[in-house]
Amino acid sequence: MAVDLRRTRPLWATAAAVLAVAALSACGSTEAADPVAAPATSSAATPTDAAPTAAAPPPVTGKLRGYGTVRQLSETADLVVRGEVEAAGFRVDEVLRAATGSSVRAGERITLASLDGGVADMAHMSKLETGQVVVLYLAQDPAASAFRTLSGDFGVFDVTGSGDDAVAASRSQAMAVSGLLAEDPAASGHGFRTTLGQLRAVAAQVK
């Protein structure tokens, strides 16, 4: 039986259109089923301020100068005195050396000031206690009428006995000179012992 092509062409066109719509629908459903995942976000708030920390210690302002000989101490000191530590200050019994312009005399009392607390080696310094008899190598505080021992314990000699034969021993083992006029490397770090007469003699040599 013959088929009339003019009648079937519209049916083929309709069928093709239906197939095209179905294909587009299938593609859309596939894309909707597999969306691109959005980046995850954290619900925890990011802290903006650091946790408080303990207060920082005072800054270190410097290191103490070391001295190798009694002569170096004598040359540097504004005042070298022997006397006794008292509750109200330091009683000067003898002036071994005084820099030009110093008015301190035997029998007077002077004020001793402590080292700056920011100095790195301050923690290792001893304290002058009432009743101690010592020879002190002192630097004058330009801002006040007070004196400080040169580099802490370097400028302190404990005196035992009387007269030129009295023993004068460095206050510290580590922070001590190692000789009178010349350094002795073998004695460094072991303290230093001499006599009051020797300290007087060295001080007298310094102009």
C-alpha atoms as a PDB file:
ATOM      1  CA  MET A   1       0.000   0.000   0.000  1.00  0.00           C
ATOM      2  CA  ALA A   2       1.417   3.390  -0.904  1.00  0.00           C
ATOM      3  CA  VAL A   3       2.101   5.880   1.906  1.00  0.00           C
ATOM      4  CA  ASP A   4       1.376   9.528   1.380  1.00  0.00           C
ATOM      5  CA  LEU A   5       4.626  11.311   2.358  1.00  0.00           C
ATOM      6  CA  ARG A   6       2.891  14.644   2.625  1.00  0.00           C
ATOM      7  CA  ARG A   7       0.853  13.282   5.537  1.00  0.00           C
ATOM      8  CA  THR A   8       3.743  11.682   7.444  1.00  0.00           C
ATOM      9  CA  ARG A   9       6.229  14.632   7.349  1.00  0.00           C
ATOM     10  CA  PRO A  10       4.396  16.611  10.074  1.00  0.00           C
ATOM     11  CA  LEU A  11       4.382  13.511  12.300  1.00  0.00           C
ATOM     12  CA  TRP A  12       8.158  13.094  11.932  1.00  0.00           C
ATOM     13  CA  ALA A  13       8.726  16.758  12.769  1.00  0.00           C
ATOM     14  CA  THR A  14       6.541  16.495  15.869  1.00  0.00           C
ATOM     15  CA  ALA A  15       8.359  13.353  17.048  1.00  0.00           C
ATOM     16  CA  ALA A  16      11.747  15.023  16.570  1.00  0.00           C
ATOM     17  CA  ALA A  17      10.667  18.039  18.617  1.00  0.00           C
ATOM     18  CA  VAL A  18       9.419  15.819  21.473  1.00  0.00           C
ATOM     19  CA  LEU A  19      12.739  13.924  21.535  1.00  0.00           C
ATOM     20  CA  ALA A  20      14.699  17.199  21.655  1.00  0.00           C
ATOM     21  CA  VAL A  21      12.657  18.528  24.606  1.00  0.00           C
ATOM     22  CA  ALA A  22      13.115  15.231  26.457  1.00  0.00           C
ATOM     23  CA  ALA A  23      16.871  15.356  25.935  1.00  0.00           C
ATOM     24  CA  LEU A  24      17.127  18.921  27.248  1.00  0.00           C
ATOM     25  CA  SER A  25      15.034  18.001  30.300  1.00  0.00           C
ATOM     26  CA  ALA A  26      17.324  15.067  31.055  1.00  0.00           C
ATOM     27  CA  CYS A  27      20.410  17.302  30.900  1.00  0.00           C
ATOM     28  CA  GLY A  28      18.848  19.859  33.249  1.00  0.00           C
ATOM     29  CA  SER A  29      17.910  17.234  35.834  1.00  0.00           C
ATOM     30  CA  THR A  30      21.469  15.831  35.785  1.00  0.00           C
ATOM     31  CA  GLU A  31      22.991  19.240  36.427  1.00  0.00           C
ATOM     32  CA  ALA A  32      20.558  19.992  39.233  1.00  0.00           C
ATOM     33  CA  ALA A  33      21.335  16.695  40.907  1.00  0.00           C
ATOM     34  CA  ASP A  34      25.084  17.404  41.050  1.00  0.00           C
ATOM     35  CA  PRO A  35      25.535  21.045  42.074  1.00  0.00           C
ATOM     36  CA  VAL A  36      29.010  22.444  42.754  1.00  0.00           C
ATOM     37  CA  ALA A  37      29.619  22.239  46.478  1.00  0.00           C
ATOM     38  CA  ALA A  38      29.995  25.625  48.228  1.00  0.00           C
ATOM     39  CA  PRO A  39      33.154  26.103  50.301  1.00  0.00           C
ATOM     40  CA  ALA A  40      32.658  25.139  53.907  1.00  0.00           C
ATOM     41  CA  THR A  41      32.795  27.913  56.465  1.00  0.00           C
ATOM     42  CA  SER A  42      33.742  27.584  60.097  1.00  0.00           C
ATOM     43  CA  SER A  43      31.183  28.594  62.653  1.00  0.00           C
ATOM     44  CA  ALA A  44      33.924  29.384  65.198  1.00  0.00           C
ATOM     45  CA  ALA A  45      34.855  33.042  65.389  1.00  0.00           C
ATOM     46  CA  THR A  46      38.485  33.839  64.655  1.00  0.00           C
ATOM     47  CA  PRO A  47      39.999  35.601  67.673  1.00  0.00           C
ATOM     48  CA  THR A  48      41.350  39.039  66.899  1.00  0.00           C
ATOM     49  CA  ASP A  49      43.129  39.756  70.180  1.00  0.00           C
ATOM     50  CA  ALA A  50      46.078  37.772  71.538  1.00  0.00           C
ATOM     51  CA  ALA A  51      45.797  36.349  75.008  1.00  0.00           C
ATOM     52  CA  PRO A  52      47.262  38.634  77.682  1.00  0.00           C
ATOM     53  CA  THR A  53      50.847  37.869  78.677  1.00  0.00           C
ATOM     54  CA  ALA A  54      52.802  38.507  81.837  1.00  0.00           C
ATOM     55  CA  ALA A  55      54.468  41.895  82.237  1.00  0.00           C
ATOM     56  CA  ALA A  56      57.961  42.030  80.768  1.00  0.00           C
ATOM     57  CA  PRO A  57      60.895  42.487  83.179  1.00  0.00           C
ATOM     58  CA  PRO A  58      62.706  45.833  83.265  1.00  0.00           C
ATOM     59  CA  PRO A  59      65.116  46.265  80.380  1.00  0.00           C
ATOM     60  CA  VAL A  60      68.754  45.583  80.965  1.00  0.00           C
ATOM     61  CA  THR A  61      70.663  48.826  80.665  1.00  0.00           C
ATOM     62  CA  GLY A  62      74.230  47.600  80.628  1.00  0.00           C
ATOM     63  CA  LYS A  63      76.968  45.374  81.942  1.00  0.00           C
ATOM     64  CA  LEU A  64      79.490  46.081  84.679  1.00  0.00           C
ATOM     65  CA  ARG A  65      83.046  46.942  83.762  1.00  0.00           C
ATOM     66  CA  GLY A  66      85.643  44.479  84.974  1.00  0.00           C
ATOM     67  CA  TYR A  67      88.914  45.532  86.623  1.00  0.00           C
ATOM     68  CA  GLY A  68      92.128  43.545  86.505  1.00  0.00           C
ATOM     69  CA  THR A  69      94.345  45.379  89.020  1.00  0.00           C
ATOM     70  CA  VAL A  70      94.210  47.508  92.153  1.00  0.00           C
ATOM     71  CA  ARG A  71      95.941  50.242  90.188  1.00  0.00           C
ATOM     72  CA  GLN A  72      93.070  50.315  87.676  1.00  0.00           C
ATOM     73  CA  LEU A  73      90.604  50.689  90.525  1.00  0.00           C
ATOM     74  CA  SER A  74      92.675  53.484  92.077  1.00  0.00           C
ATOM     75  CA  GLU A  75      92.995  55.365  88.788  1.00  0.00           C
ATOM     76  CA  THR A  76      89.272  55.166  88.050  1.00  0.00           C
ATOM     77  CA  ALA A  77      87.855  55.910  91.499  1.00  0.00           C
ATOM     78  CA  ASP A  78      86.793  59.401  92.524  1.00  0.00           C
ATOM     79  CA  LEU A  79      87.405  58.404  96.124  1.00  0.00           C
ATOM     80  CA  VAL A  80      89.241  55.551  97.885  1.00  0.00           C
ATOM     81  CA  VAL A  81      88.430  55.291 101.580  1.00  0.00           C
ATOM     82  CA  ARG A  82      88.738  52.967 104.551  1.00  0.00           C
ATOM     83  CA  GLY A  83      86.031  52.993 107.175  1.00  0.00           C
ATOM     84  CA  GLU A  84      83.009  51.292 108.677  1.00  0.00           C
ATOM     85  CA  VAL A  85      79.485  50.798 107.394  1.00  0.00           C
ATOM     86  CA  GLU A  86      76.917  52.403 109.692  1.00  0.00           C
ATOM     87  CA  ALA A  87      73.144  52.447 109.683  1.00  0.00           C
ATOM     88  CA  ALA A  88      73.155  56.102 108.655  1.00  0.00           C
ATOM     89  CA  GLY A  89      75.832  55.795 105.983  1.00  0.00           C
ATOM     90  CA  PHE A  90      79.560  55.170 105.787  1.00  0.00           C
ATOM     91  CA  ARG A  91      82.021  56.563 108.338  1.00  0.00           C
ATOM     92  CA  VAL A  92      85.296  57.527 106.681  1.00  0.00           C
ATOM     93  CA  ASP A  93      88.286  56.714 108.908  1.00  0.00           C
ATOM     94  CA  GLU A  94      90.958  57.230 106.240  1.00  0.00           C
ATOM     95  CA  VAL A  95      91.137  58.711 102.761  1.00  0.00           C
ATOM     96  CA  LEU A  96      93.599  56.705 100.665  1.00  0.00           C
ATOM     97  CA  ARG A  97      93.001  58.781  97.559  1.00  0.00           C
ATOM     98  CA  ALA A  98      90.677  61.563  96.495  1.00  0.00           C
ATOM     99  CA  ALA A  99      90.250  62.932  92.999  1.00  0.00           C
ATOM    100  CA  THR A 100      90.860  66.609  92.422  1.00  0.00           C
ATOM    101  CA  GLY A 101      88.016  68.649  93.849  1.00  0.00           C
ATOM    102  CA  SER A 102      86.887  66.098  96.430  1.00  0.00           C
ATOM    103  CA  SER A 103      86.188  67.568  99.853  1.00  0.00           C
ATOM    104  CA  VAL A 104      85.717  64.304 101.781  1.00  0.00           C
ATOM    105  CA  ARG A 105      87.904  64.083 104.884  1.00  0.00           C
ATOM    106  CA  ALA A 106      88.529  61.470 107.577  1.00  0.00           C
ATOM    107  CA  GLY A 107      85.846  61.586 110.263  1.00  0.00           C
ATOM    108  CA  GLU A 108      83.064  62.491 107.847  1.00  0.00           C
ATOM    109  CA  ARG A 109      80.127  60.341 106.809  1.00  0.00           C
ATOM    110  CA  ILE A 110      79.161  59.806 103.207  1.00  0.00           C
ATOM    111  CA  THR A 111      76.061  58.354 101.581  1.00  0.00           C
ATOM    112  CA  LEU A 112      76.366  55.146  99.586  1.00  0.00           C
ATOM    113  CA  ALA A 113      73.959  54.489  96.720  1.00  0.00           C
ATOM    114  CA  SER A 114      73.143  51.087  95.262  1.00  0.00           C
ATOM    115  CA  LEU A 115      73.797  50.114  91.676  1.00  0.00           C
ATOM    116  CA  ASP A 116      71.134  50.592  89.017  1.00  0.00           C
ATOM    117  CA  GLY A 117      68.720  47.654  89.226  1.00  0.00           C
ATOM    118  CA  GLY A 118      68.709  47.378  85.432  1.00  0.00           C
ATOM    119  CA  VAL A 119      72.392  46.458  85.297  1.00  0.00           C
ATOM    120  CA  ALA A 120      72.731  42.853  84.190  1.00  0.00           C
ATOM    121  CA  ASP A 121      75.174  41.770  86.930  1.00  0.00           C
ATOM    122  CA  MET A 122      73.315  43.443  89.807  1.00  0.00           C
ATOM    123  CA  ALA A 123      71.853  40.133  90.993  1.00  0.00           C
ATOM    124  CA  HIS A 124      75.345  38.885  91.824  1.00  0.00           C
ATOM    125  CA  MET A 125      76.318  41.821  94.040  1.00  0.00           C
ATOM    126  CA  SER A 126      76.698  41.544  97.806  1.00  0.00           C
ATOM    127  CA  LYS A 127      75.372  44.105 100.291  1.00  0.00           C
ATOM    128  CA  LEU A 128      77.290  46.306 102.671  1.00  0.00           C
ATOM    129  CA  GLU A 129      76.075  45.565 106.188  1.00  0.00           C
ATOM    130  CA  THR A 130      76.338  47.667 109.338  1.00  0.00           C
ATOM    131  CA  GLY A 131      79.568  47.041 111.227  1.00  0.00           C
ATOM    132  CA  GLN A 132      81.663  45.891 108.265  1.00  0.00           C
ATOM    133  CA  VAL A 133      85.137  47.449 107.978  1.00  0.00           C
ATOM    134  CA  VAL A 134      86.112  47.878 104.349  1.00  0.00           C
ATOM    135  CA  VAL A 135      88.166  49.755 101.815  1.00  0.00           C
ATOM    136  CA  LEU A 136      85.900  51.144  99.109  1.00  0.00           C
ATOM    137  CA  TYR A 137      86.757  52.323  95.621  1.00  0.00           C
ATOM    138  CA  LEU A 138      83.992  54.786  94.841  1.00  0.00           C
ATOM    139  CA  ALA A 139      82.530  56.758  91.961  1.00  0.00           C
ATOM    140  CA  GLN A 140      80.553  59.879  92.780  1.00  0.00           C
ATOM    141  CA  ASP A 141      77.020  60.181  91.496  1.00  0.00           C
ATOM    142  CA  PRO A 142      77.026  63.435  89.470  1.00  0.00           C
ATOM    143  CA  ALA A 143      73.333  63.990  90.168  1.00  0.00           C
ATOM    144  CA  ALA A 144      73.561  63.635  93.948  1.00  0.00           C
ATOM    145  CA  SER A 145      75.996  63.823  96.835  1.00  0.00           C
ATOM    146  CA  ALA A 146      76.282  60.042  96.994  1.00  0.00           C
ATOM    147  CA  PHE A 147      78.846  57.422  95.985  1.00  0.00           C
ATOM    148  CA  ARG A 148      78.690  53.977  94.393  1.00  0.00           C
ATOM    149  CA  THR A 149      81.317  51.254  94.560  1.00  0.00           C
ATOM    150  CA  LEU A 150      83.084  50.728  91.251  1.00  0.00           C
ATOM    151  CA  SER A 151      81.323  47.869  89.446  1.00  0.00           C
ATOM    152  CA  GLY A 152      79.727  46.598  92.613  1.00  0.00           C
ATOM    153  CA  ASP A 153      81.906  44.047  94.381  1.00  0.00           C
ATOM    154  CA  PHE A 154      84.978  44.951  92.340  1.00  0.00           C
ATOM    155  CA  GLY A 155      85.294  48.071  94.479  1.00  0.00           C
ATOM    156  CA  VAL A 156      84.939  46.389  97.897  1.00  0.00           C
ATOM    157  CA  PHE A 157      87.767  44.956 100.046  1.00  0.00           C
ATOM    158  CA  ASP A 158      86.992  43.527 103.475  1.00  0.00           C
ATOM    159  CA  VAL A 159      89.613  44.517 106.046  1.00  0.00           C
ATOM    160  CA  THR A 160      90.635  42.331 108.984  1.00  0.00           C
ATOM    161  CA  GLY A 161      93.131  43.607 111.548  1.00  0.00           C
ATOM    162  CA  SER A 162      94.823  47.000 111.835  1.00  0.00           C
ATOM    163  CA  GLY A 163      97.871  48.787 110.534  1.00  0.00           C
ATOM    164  CA  ASP A 164      99.670  48.137 107.271  1.00  0.00           C
ATOM    165  CA  ASP A 165      99.605  44.389 107.896  1.00  0.00           C
ATOM    166  CA  ALA A 166      95.795  44.219 108.053  1.00  0.00           C
ATOM    167  CA  VAL A 167      94.433  41.725 105.537  1.00  0.00           C
ATOM    168  CA  ALA A 168      92.421  43.230 102.672  1.00  0.00           C
ATOM    169  CA  ALA A 169      90.410  40.618 100.750  1.00  0.00           C
ATOM    170  CA  SER A 170      88.195  41.145  97.735  1.00  0.00           C
ATOM    171  CA  ARG A 171      84.501  40.873  98.558  1.00  0.00           C
ATOM    172  CA  SER A 172      83.818  38.551  95.618  1.00  0.00           C
ATOM    173  CA  GLN A 173      85.702  35.553  94.268  1.00  0.00           C
ATOM    174  CA  ALA A 174      84.631  36.048  90.651  1.00  0.00           C
ATOM    175  CA  MET A 175      84.300  39.836  90.518  1.00  0.00           C
ATOM    176  CA  ALA A 176      87.763  40.677  91.783  1.00  0.00           C
ATOM    177  CA  VAL A 177      91.090  41.991  90.539  1.00  0.00           C
ATOM    178  CA  SER A 178      93.931  39.530  90.060  1.00  0.00           C
ATOM    179  CA  GLY A 179      96.927  41.714  90.926  1.00  0.00           C
ATOM    180  CA  LEU A 180      98.205  44.987  92.384  1.00  0.00           C
ATOM    181  CA  LEU A 181      99.926  46.522  89.347  1.00  0.00           C
ATOM    182  CA  ALA A 182      99.703  43.716  86.765  1.00  0.00           C
ATOM    183  CA  GLU A 183      97.062  41.082  86.153  1.00  0.00           C
ATOM    184  CA  ASP A 184      97.717  37.465  87.045  1.00  0.00           C
ATOM    185  CA  PRO A 185      95.660  35.218  84.710  1.00  0.00           C
ATOM    186  CA  ALA A 186      96.181  32.225  87.009  1.00  0.00           C
ATOM    187  CA  ALA A 187      94.537  34.104  89.895  1.00  0.00           C
ATOM    188  CA  SER A 188      91.546  35.353  87.895  1.00  0.00           C
ATOM    189  CA  GLY A 189      88.224  34.184  89.300  1.00  0.00           C
ATOM    190  CA  HIS A 190      89.703  33.093  92.642  1.00  0.00           C
ATOM    191  CA  GLY A 191      89.452  36.324  94.608  1.00  0.00           C
ATOM    192  CA  PHE A 192      92.363  38.513  95.671  1.00  0.00           C
ATOM    193  CA  ARG A 193      94.111  39.028  99.017  1.00  0.00           C
ATOM    194  CA  THR A 194      96.649  41.675  99.902  1.00  0.00           C
ATOM    195  CA  THR A 195      97.356  44.023 102.810  1.00  0.00           C
ATOM    196  CA  LEU A 196      96.050  47.428 103.723  1.00  0.00           C
ATOM    197  CA  GLY A 197      99.593  48.727 103.360  1.00  0.00           C
ATOM    198  CA  GLN A 198      99.730  47.562  99.749  1.00  0.00           C
ATOM    199  CA  LEU A 199      96.421  49.248  98.933  1.00  0.00           C
ATOM    200  CA  ARG A 200      97.764  52.462 100.461  1.00  0.00           C
ATOM    201  CA  ALA A 201     100.971  52.213  98.437  1.00  0.00           C
ATOM    202  CA  VAL A 202      99.173  51.732  95.107  1.00  0.00           C
ATOM    203  CA  ALA A 203      96.723  54.562  95.812  1.00  0.00           C
ATOM    204  CA  ALA A 204      99.657  56.870  96.638  1.00  0.00           C
ATOM    205  CA  GLN A 205     101.206  56.174  93.198  1.00  0.00           C
ATOM    206  CA  VAL A 206      98.135  57.462  91.350  1.00  0.00           C
ATOM    207  CA  LYS A 207      98.069  61.186  90.770  1.00  0.00           C
END
